[in-house]
Structure formats: structure tokens, C-alpha cells
Amino acid sequence: MIAQLMLTAFLVLVLVYAWSAHRTVPIIGLLASGAALAGLYFVWVPDHATALAAFAGIGRGSDLIIYTWVVISLLIVLNLHLKLRLQLDMITRLTRAVAIDRAKRSRRDAGPPRKRPPVPLSRKAEAIPTESQAKK
């Protein structure tokens, strides 16, 4: 009886989480709600879990519940992974936009480019002027 009460409290907390997750990611909220409600049912009527497991070809009801929990956990990990990848992509785009904006601003603040004298491609060797040539 104590285990049933503890599991019930835990599953109620999962339901609260599912309700809050349902607003942002509906599929996760629905899956977690379904799992929590099924868990509550099987906690209070364990014989039905064993009958369902036998129907599915699994030996015990607790094995069925563990397999279901593993699948749901993997879905949650996949969801977190996809969110992390999306955030990293958004950070990359934001960084790129900021870098481009700063480059444009620094060009605009620098004003027009200064004209530099052209550099000849090849310099001919010039003779050093003598004093008489320099005075002319």
C-alpha cells in the first residue's frame, strides 16, 4: 500500500509536468499524460497490467511498464536533443547577423576609403642623382 501511494504521488507530479509541457510541446504533453494515467491505472489494478503484458507477449506486467518507460524516456531525450540543436542553430545565426552588422557599421563609421597612390608593378632601377643633377 505504501508503494502504491508513493507511485501515485510520483505519477501525479508527472501529470502536472505533462500539463505544463503540453502548452509548449503538445506531443510530449500528451504522451506523458497518457503514460501517467496508464501508470496510475496499473498501480491500482496490477492484474490488468499482467493481462495486457501477456496479450502483448511479455511475461510480466512490470516488464511491460518498464519497456514503456524506456520508450517514453527516449522520446524525451530526443525532444531535448532537438531543442538543443535548434538553440545552437539560432545562436549561430544570431552571431553571424551581429558580426555582419558590426562590419557594416565599422565601414560606415570609417568614412570613404582614402585614396592611396598606385604602386607600380615593377620599379626600374633608378640611378642615384648626382649633386649637379639635383641642383638643376
N, C-alpha and C. Protein backbone atom coordinates (compact mmCIF):
# COMPACT_ATOMS: atom_id res chain seq x y z
N MET A 1 0.81 -1.19 0.00
CA MET A 1 0.00 0.00 0.00
C MET A 1 0.86 1.26 0.00
N ILE A 2 1.99 1.24 0.73
CA ILE A 2 2.87 2.41 0.77
C ILE A 2 3.46 2.65 -0.62
N ALA A 3 3.85 1.59 -1.32
CA ALA A 3 4.41 1.74 -2.67
C ALA A 3 3.37 2.32 -3.61
N GLN A 4 2.12 1.90 -3.47
CA GLN A 4 1.07 2.44 -4.33
C GLN A 4 0.88 3.93 -4.09
N LEU A 5 0.94 4.35 -2.85
CA LEU A 5 0.78 5.78 -2.55
C LEU A 5 1.97 6.59 -3.08
N MET A 6 3.17 6.07 -2.92
CA MET A 6 4.35 6.78 -3.41
C MET A 6 4.33 6.87 -4.94
N LEU A 7 3.99 5.76 -5.60
CA LEU A 7 3.91 5.78 -7.05
C LEU A 7 2.80 6.70 -7.54
N THR A 8 1.69 6.75 -6.81
CA THR A 8 0.60 7.66 -7.16
C THR A 8 1.06 9.11 -7.07
N ALA A 9 1.77 9.45 -6.00
CA ALA A 9 2.28 10.82 -5.85
C ALA A 9 3.23 11.16 -6.98
N PHE A 10 4.12 10.25 -7.32
CA PHE A 10 5.06 10.49 -8.41
C PHE A 10 4.32 10.67 -9.73
N LEU A 11 3.35 9.83 -10.00
CA LEU A 11 2.62 9.92 -11.27
C LEU A 11 1.76 11.18 -11.34
N VAL A 12 1.28 11.66 -10.21
CA VAL A 12 0.56 12.93 -10.21
C VAL A 12 1.52 14.07 -10.56
N LEU A 13 2.73 14.01 -10.05
CA LEU A 13 3.73 15.01 -10.44
C LEU A 13 4.04 14.95 -11.94
N VAL A 14 4.08 13.75 -12.49
CA VAL A 14 4.28 13.60 -13.94
C VAL A 14 3.12 14.22 -14.69
N LEU A 15 1.91 14.05 -14.19
CA LEU A 15 0.74 14.68 -14.82
C LEU A 15 0.84 16.21 -14.80
N VAL A 16 1.30 16.76 -13.70
CA VAL A 16 1.47 18.21 -13.61
C VAL A 16 2.51 18.67 -14.62
N TYR A 17 3.62 17.94 -14.72
CA TYR A 17 4.64 18.27 -15.72
C TYR A 17 4.07 18.17 -17.13
N ALA A 18 3.31 17.12 -17.39
CA ALA A 18 2.73 16.92 -18.72
C ALA A 18 1.80 18.06 -19.08
N TRP A 19 1.06 18.55 -18.11
CA TRP A 19 0.15 19.66 -18.37
C TRP A 19 0.94 20.92 -18.74
N SER A 20 2.03 21.19 -18.04
CA SER A 20 2.84 22.37 -18.36
C SER A 20 3.59 22.17 -19.68
N ALA A 21 4.03 20.97 -20.00
CA ALA A 21 4.73 20.71 -21.26
C ALA A 21 3.77 20.70 -22.44
N HIS A 22 2.50 20.42 -22.17
CA HIS A 22 1.51 20.36 -23.24
C HIS A 22 1.36 21.72 -23.93
N ARG A 23 1.56 22.79 -23.20
CA ARG A 23 1.43 24.14 -23.78
C ARG A 23 2.54 24.44 -24.78
N THR A 24 3.74 23.96 -24.52
CA THR A 24 4.86 24.25 -25.41
C THR A 24 5.10 23.15 -26.44
N VAL A 25 5.02 21.89 -26.03
CA VAL A 25 5.23 20.75 -26.93
C VAL A 25 4.06 19.79 -26.73
N PRO A 26 3.02 19.93 -27.53
CA PRO A 26 1.80 19.15 -27.29
C PRO A 26 2.01 17.63 -27.32
N ILE A 27 2.84 17.14 -28.23
CA ILE A 27 3.01 15.68 -28.34
C ILE A 27 3.63 15.09 -27.08
N ILE A 28 4.61 15.78 -26.52
CA ILE A 28 5.24 15.29 -25.29
C ILE A 28 4.25 15.34 -24.13
N GLY A 29 3.48 16.40 -24.06
CA GLY A 29 2.48 16.51 -23.00
C GLY A 29 1.44 15.40 -23.09
N LEU A 30 1.01 15.10 -24.31
CA LEU A 30 0.01 14.04 -24.48
C LEU A 30 0.58 12.67 -24.14
N LEU A 31 1.80 12.41 -24.60
CA LEU A 31 2.42 11.11 -24.30
C LEU A 31 2.67 10.94 -22.80
N ALA A 32 3.16 11.99 -22.16
CA ALA A 32 3.43 11.90 -20.73
C ALA A 32 2.13 11.77 -19.94
N SER A 33 1.09 12.49 -20.37
CA SER A 33 -0.21 12.37 -19.69
C SER A 33 -0.76 10.96 -19.84
N GLY A 34 -0.69 10.43 -21.04
CA GLY A 34 -1.18 9.08 -21.27
C GLY A 34 -0.42 8.05 -20.45
N ALA A 35 0.89 8.20 -20.41
CA ALA A 35 1.70 7.26 -19.63
C ALA A 35 1.39 7.38 -18.14
N ALA A 36 1.23 8.61 -17.65
CA ALA A 36 0.95 8.79 -16.22
C ALA A 36 -0.43 8.23 -15.86
N LEU A 37 -1.41 8.47 -16.72
CA LEU A 37 -2.75 7.94 -16.44
C LEU A 37 -2.75 6.41 -16.50
N ALA A 38 -2.07 5.85 -17.49
CA ALA A 38 -1.96 4.39 -17.57
C ALA A 38 -1.21 3.85 -16.35
N GLY A 39 -0.17 4.57 -15.95
CA GLY A 39 0.58 4.16 -14.77
C GLY A 39 -0.27 4.17 -13.52
N LEU A 40 -1.08 5.22 -13.36
CA LEU A 40 -1.98 5.28 -12.21
C LEU A 40 -2.97 4.12 -12.23
N TYR A 41 -3.48 3.80 -13.40
CA TYR A 41 -4.43 2.69 -13.50
C TYR A 41 -3.75 1.38 -13.13
N PHE A 42 -2.55 1.16 -13.67
CA PHE A 42 -1.86 -0.11 -13.41
C PHE A 42 -1.32 -0.20 -11.98
N VAL A 43 -1.05 0.93 -11.34
CA VAL A 43 -0.63 0.90 -9.94
C VAL A 43 -1.77 0.39 -9.06
N TRP A 44 -2.98 0.80 -9.37
CA TRP A 44 -4.11 0.42 -8.54
C TRP A 44 -4.79 -0.87 -9.00
N VAL A 45 -4.54 -1.29 -10.27
CA VAL A 45 -5.11 -2.56 -10.75
C VAL A 45 -3.98 -3.34 -11.44
N PRO A 46 -3.03 -3.89 -10.69
CA PRO A 46 -1.86 -4.53 -11.30
C PRO A 46 -2.18 -5.80 -12.09
N ASP A 47 -3.29 -6.46 -11.78
CA ASP A 47 -3.64 -7.67 -12.53
C ASP A 47 -3.92 -7.36 -14.00
N HIS A 48 -4.43 -6.18 -14.28
CA HIS A 48 -4.69 -5.80 -15.67
C HIS A 48 -3.38 -5.56 -16.42
N ALA A 49 -2.36 -5.08 -15.73
CA ALA A 49 -1.06 -4.90 -16.36
C ALA A 49 -0.48 -6.26 -16.76
N THR A 50 -0.64 -7.24 -15.92
CA THR A 50 -0.14 -8.59 -16.23
C THR A 50 -0.92 -9.18 -17.39
N ALA A 51 -2.24 -8.98 -17.43
CA ALA A 51 -3.05 -9.49 -18.54
C ALA A 51 -2.68 -8.81 -19.86
N LEU A 52 -2.45 -7.49 -19.81
CA LEU A 52 -2.05 -6.76 -21.01
C LEU A 52 -0.68 -7.20 -21.48
N ALA A 53 0.24 -7.44 -20.55
CA ALA A 53 1.58 -7.91 -20.90
C ALA A 53 1.51 -9.29 -21.55
N ALA A 54 0.68 -10.16 -21.02
CA ALA A 54 0.52 -11.50 -21.61
C ALA A 54 -0.05 -11.39 -23.01
N PHE A 55 -0.98 -10.47 -23.22
CA PHE A 55 -1.56 -10.26 -24.54
C PHE A 55 -0.50 -9.74 -25.52
N ALA A 56 0.43 -8.90 -25.05
CA ALA A 56 1.48 -8.34 -25.89
C ALA A 56 2.65 -9.30 -26.08
N GLY A 57 2.65 -10.41 -25.35
CA GLY A 57 3.72 -11.38 -25.49
C GLY A 57 4.88 -11.14 -24.54
N ILE A 58 4.63 -10.36 -23.50
CA ILE A 58 5.65 -10.08 -22.49
C ILE A 58 5.23 -10.83 -21.23
N GLY A 59 6.20 -11.37 -20.52
CA GLY A 59 5.90 -12.23 -19.38
C GLY A 59 5.14 -11.57 -18.24
N ARG A 60 5.60 -10.41 -17.77
CA ARG A 60 5.00 -9.80 -16.57
C ARG A 60 4.55 -8.38 -16.88
N GLY A 61 3.62 -7.91 -16.08
CA GLY A 61 3.12 -6.54 -16.24
C GLY A 61 4.17 -5.50 -15.92
N SER A 62 5.03 -5.82 -14.93
CA SER A 62 6.08 -4.85 -14.58
C SER A 62 7.08 -4.69 -15.73
N ASP A 63 7.34 -5.77 -16.48
CA ASP A 63 8.23 -5.66 -17.64
C ASP A 63 7.62 -4.75 -18.70
N LEU A 64 6.34 -4.88 -18.92
CA LEU A 64 5.64 -4.02 -19.88
C LEU A 64 5.76 -2.56 -19.47
N ILE A 65 5.58 -2.29 -18.21
CA ILE A 65 5.67 -0.91 -17.71
C ILE A 65 7.09 -0.38 -17.87
N ILE A 66 8.08 -1.20 -17.59
CA ILE A 66 9.48 -0.76 -17.75
C ILE A 66 9.79 -0.48 -19.21
N TYR A 67 9.35 -1.34 -20.13
CA TYR A 67 9.59 -1.11 -21.55
C TYR A 67 8.93 0.18 -22.02
N THR A 68 7.73 0.41 -21.54
CA THR A 68 7.02 1.64 -21.91
C THR A 68 7.76 2.86 -21.37
N TRP A 69 8.26 2.75 -20.15
CA TRP A 69 9.00 3.86 -19.55
C TRP A 69 10.28 4.15 -20.33
N VAL A 70 10.96 3.13 -20.79
CA VAL A 70 12.18 3.32 -21.58
C VAL A 70 11.86 4.06 -22.88
N VAL A 71 10.79 3.67 -23.54
CA VAL A 71 10.41 4.32 -24.80
C VAL A 71 10.07 5.79 -24.55
N ILE A 72 9.31 6.08 -23.52
CA ILE A 72 8.96 7.46 -23.22
C ILE A 72 10.20 8.27 -22.85
N SER A 73 11.11 7.67 -22.10
CA SER A 73 12.35 8.37 -21.74
C SER A 73 13.18 8.68 -22.98
N LEU A 74 13.24 7.75 -23.90
CA LEU A 74 13.98 8.01 -25.14
C LEU A 74 13.33 9.12 -25.95
N LEU A 75 12.01 9.19 -25.97
CA LEU A 75 11.33 10.28 -26.66
C LEU A 75 11.64 11.63 -26.02
N ILE A 76 11.70 11.65 -24.71
CA ILE A 76 12.03 12.90 -24.02
C ILE A 76 13.46 13.31 -24.32
N VAL A 77 14.39 12.36 -24.32
CA VAL A 77 15.79 12.68 -24.65
C VAL A 77 15.89 13.18 -26.09
N LEU A 78 15.16 12.57 -27.00
CA LEU A 78 15.15 13.03 -28.39
C LEU A 78 14.61 14.45 -28.48
N ASN A 79 13.56 14.73 -27.75
CA ASN A 79 12.99 16.07 -27.74
C ASN A 79 14.00 17.09 -27.23
N LEU A 80 14.69 16.77 -26.15
CA LEU A 80 15.71 17.68 -25.61
C LEU A 80 16.86 17.87 -26.60
N HIS A 81 17.25 16.81 -27.26
CA HIS A 81 18.32 16.90 -28.25
C HIS A 81 17.91 17.82 -29.40
N LEU A 82 16.70 17.68 -29.89
CA LEU A 82 16.23 18.53 -30.99
C LEU A 82 16.14 19.99 -30.56
N LYS A 83 15.70 20.24 -29.34
CA LYS A 83 15.66 21.62 -28.84
C LYS A 83 17.06 22.21 -28.73
N LEU A 84 18.00 21.42 -28.26
CA LEU A 84 19.38 21.90 -28.13
C LEU A 84 19.97 22.24 -29.49
N ARG A 85 19.74 21.38 -30.48
CA ARG A 85 20.23 21.65 -31.83
C ARG A 85 19.60 22.92 -32.39
N LEU A 86 18.31 23.14 -32.14
CA LEU A 86 17.64 24.33 -32.61
C LEU A 86 18.23 25.58 -31.96
N GLN A 87 18.51 25.50 -30.67
CA GLN A 87 19.11 26.64 -29.98
C GLN A 87 20.51 26.94 -30.50
N LEU A 88 21.29 25.90 -30.75
CA LEU A 88 22.63 26.12 -31.30
C LEU A 88 22.56 26.75 -32.68
N ASP A 89 21.61 26.34 -33.49
CA ASP A 89 21.43 26.94 -34.81
C ASP A 89 21.02 28.41 -34.69
N MET A 90 20.14 28.71 -33.75
CA MET A 90 19.72 30.09 -33.55
C MET A 90 20.88 30.95 -33.06
N ILE A 91 21.73 30.42 -32.19
CA ILE A 91 22.90 31.16 -31.71
C ILE A 91 23.85 31.43 -32.86
N THR A 92 24.04 30.44 -33.74
CA THR A 92 24.91 30.63 -34.90
C THR A 92 24.38 31.73 -35.80
N ARG A 93 23.09 31.71 -36.09
CA ARG A 93 22.50 32.76 -36.95
C ARG A 93 22.60 34.13 -36.30
N LEU A 94 22.35 34.19 -35.00
CA LEU A 94 22.44 35.47 -34.30
C LEU A 94 23.87 36.00 -34.32
N THR A 95 24.84 35.14 -34.06
CA THR A 95 26.24 35.55 -34.08
C THR A 95 26.65 36.05 -35.46
N ARG A 96 26.21 35.35 -36.50
CA ARG A 96 26.52 35.76 -37.87
C ARG A 96 25.91 37.13 -38.17
N ALA A 97 24.65 37.35 -37.76
CA ALA A 97 23.99 38.62 -38.01
C ALA A 97 24.67 39.76 -37.27
N VAL A 98 25.08 39.52 -36.03
CA VAL A 98 25.78 40.55 -35.26
C VAL A 98 27.12 40.88 -35.90
N ALA A 99 27.85 39.87 -36.35
CA ALA A 99 29.16 40.11 -36.98
C ALA A 99 29.00 40.91 -38.27
N ILE A 100 28.00 40.58 -39.08
CA ILE A 100 27.78 41.32 -40.32
C ILE A 100 27.37 42.75 -40.01
N ASP A 101 26.51 42.94 -39.01
CA ASP A 101 26.08 44.29 -38.64
C ASP A 101 27.25 45.12 -38.14
N ARG A 102 28.11 44.55 -37.34
CA ARG A 102 29.28 45.30 -36.84
C ARG A 102 30.23 45.64 -37.96
N ALA A 103 30.40 44.74 -38.91
CA ALA A 103 31.28 45.05 -40.04
C ALA A 103 30.72 46.19 -40.87
N LYS A 104 29.41 46.18 -41.12
CA LYS A 104 28.79 47.27 -41.88
C LYS A 104 28.91 48.59 -41.12
N ARG A 105 28.69 48.56 -39.81
CA ARG A 105 28.77 49.78 -39.01
C ARG A 105 30.19 50.33 -38.99
N SER A 106 31.19 49.48 -38.88
CA SER A 106 32.57 49.98 -38.84
C SER A 106 32.96 50.57 -40.19
N ARG A 107 32.46 50.02 -41.29
CA ARG A 107 32.73 50.61 -42.60
C ARG A 107 32.05 51.97 -42.73
N ARG A 108 30.83 52.07 -42.24
CA ARG A 108 30.09 53.32 -42.32
C ARG A 108 30.75 54.39 -41.45
N ASP A 109 31.23 54.03 -40.27
CA ASP A 109 31.87 54.98 -39.36
C ASP A 109 33.24 55.41 -39.86
N ALA A 110 33.90 54.59 -40.61
CA ALA A 110 35.25 54.91 -41.08
C ALA A 110 35.22 55.96 -42.18
N GLY A 111 34.11 56.16 -42.81
CA GLY A 111 34.02 57.14 -43.89
C GLY A 111 34.50 56.55 -45.19
N PRO A 112 34.65 57.46 -46.21
CA PRO A 112 35.08 56.94 -47.51
C PRO A 112 36.53 56.45 -47.43
N PRO A 113 36.86 55.50 -48.23
CA PRO A 113 38.24 54.99 -48.20
C PRO A 113 39.21 56.05 -48.71
N ARG A 114 40.38 56.11 -48.09
CA ARG A 114 41.42 57.05 -48.51
C ARG A 114 42.05 56.57 -49.80
N LYS A 115 42.35 57.55 -50.66
CA LYS A 115 43.00 57.19 -51.91
C LYS A 115 44.49 57.08 -51.67
N ARG A 116 45.03 56.03 -52.08
CA ARG A 116 46.46 55.81 -51.95
C ARG A 116 47.09 55.90 -53.33
N PRO A 117 48.30 56.36 -53.36
CA PRO A 117 48.95 56.42 -54.67
C PRO A 117 49.17 55.00 -55.19
N PRO A 118 48.99 54.84 -56.49
CA PRO A 118 49.18 53.50 -57.04
C PRO A 118 50.62 53.04 -56.89
N VAL A 119 50.76 51.78 -56.63
CA VAL A 119 52.08 51.19 -56.50
C VAL A 119 52.41 50.56 -57.85
N PRO A 120 53.54 51.00 -58.45
CA PRO A 120 53.89 50.41 -59.75
C PRO A 120 54.20 48.92 -59.59
N LEU A 121 53.86 48.19 -60.61
CA LEU A 121 54.08 46.75 -60.54
C LEU A 121 55.56 46.40 -60.57
N SER A 122 56.32 47.14 -61.38
CA SER A 122 57.77 46.87 -61.40
C SER A 122 58.51 48.19 -61.35
N ARG A 123 59.45 48.29 -60.50
CA ARG A 123 60.24 49.52 -60.37
C ARG A 123 61.54 49.34 -61.14
N LYS A 124 61.76 50.32 -61.97
CA LYS A 124 63.03 50.29 -62.70
C LYS A 124 64.12 50.83 -61.80
N ALA A 125 65.26 50.27 -61.97
CA ALA A 125 66.40 50.74 -61.17
C ALA A 125 66.74 52.15 -61.61
N GLU A 126 66.67 53.05 -60.67
CA GLU A 126 66.99 54.44 -60.98
C GLU A 126 68.38 54.75 -60.46
N ALA A 127 69.06 55.53 -61.24
CA ALA A 127 70.41 55.94 -60.83
C ALA A 127 70.27 57.01 -59.76
N ILE A 128 71.14 56.94 -58.81
CA ILE A 128 71.13 57.93 -57.75
C ILE A 128 71.57 59.26 -58.35
N PRO A 129 70.76 60.30 -58.14
CA PRO A 129 71.12 61.58 -58.77
C PRO A 129 72.42 62.14 -58.17
N THR A 130 73.20 62.70 -59.04
CA THR A 130 74.44 63.33 -58.60
C THR A 130 74.12 64.74 -58.12
N GLU A 131 75.10 65.39 -57.53
CA GLU A 131 74.85 66.72 -56.98
C GLU A 131 74.53 67.71 -58.09
N SER A 132 75.14 67.56 -59.21
CA SER A 132 74.88 68.51 -60.29
C SER A 132 73.48 68.31 -60.85
N GLN A 133 73.01 67.05 -60.88
CA GLN A 133 71.66 66.82 -61.38
C GLN A 133 70.62 67.27 -60.35
N ALA A 134 70.92 67.15 -59.08
CA ALA A 134 69.98 67.54 -58.05
C ALA A 134 69.81 69.05 -58.00
N LYS A 135 70.84 69.82 -58.37
CA LYS A 135 70.76 71.28 -58.34
C LYS A 135 69.94 71.81 -59.50
N LYS A 136 69.81 71.10 -60.55
CA LYS A 136 69.07 71.58 -61.70
C LYS A 136 67.65 71.66 -61.43
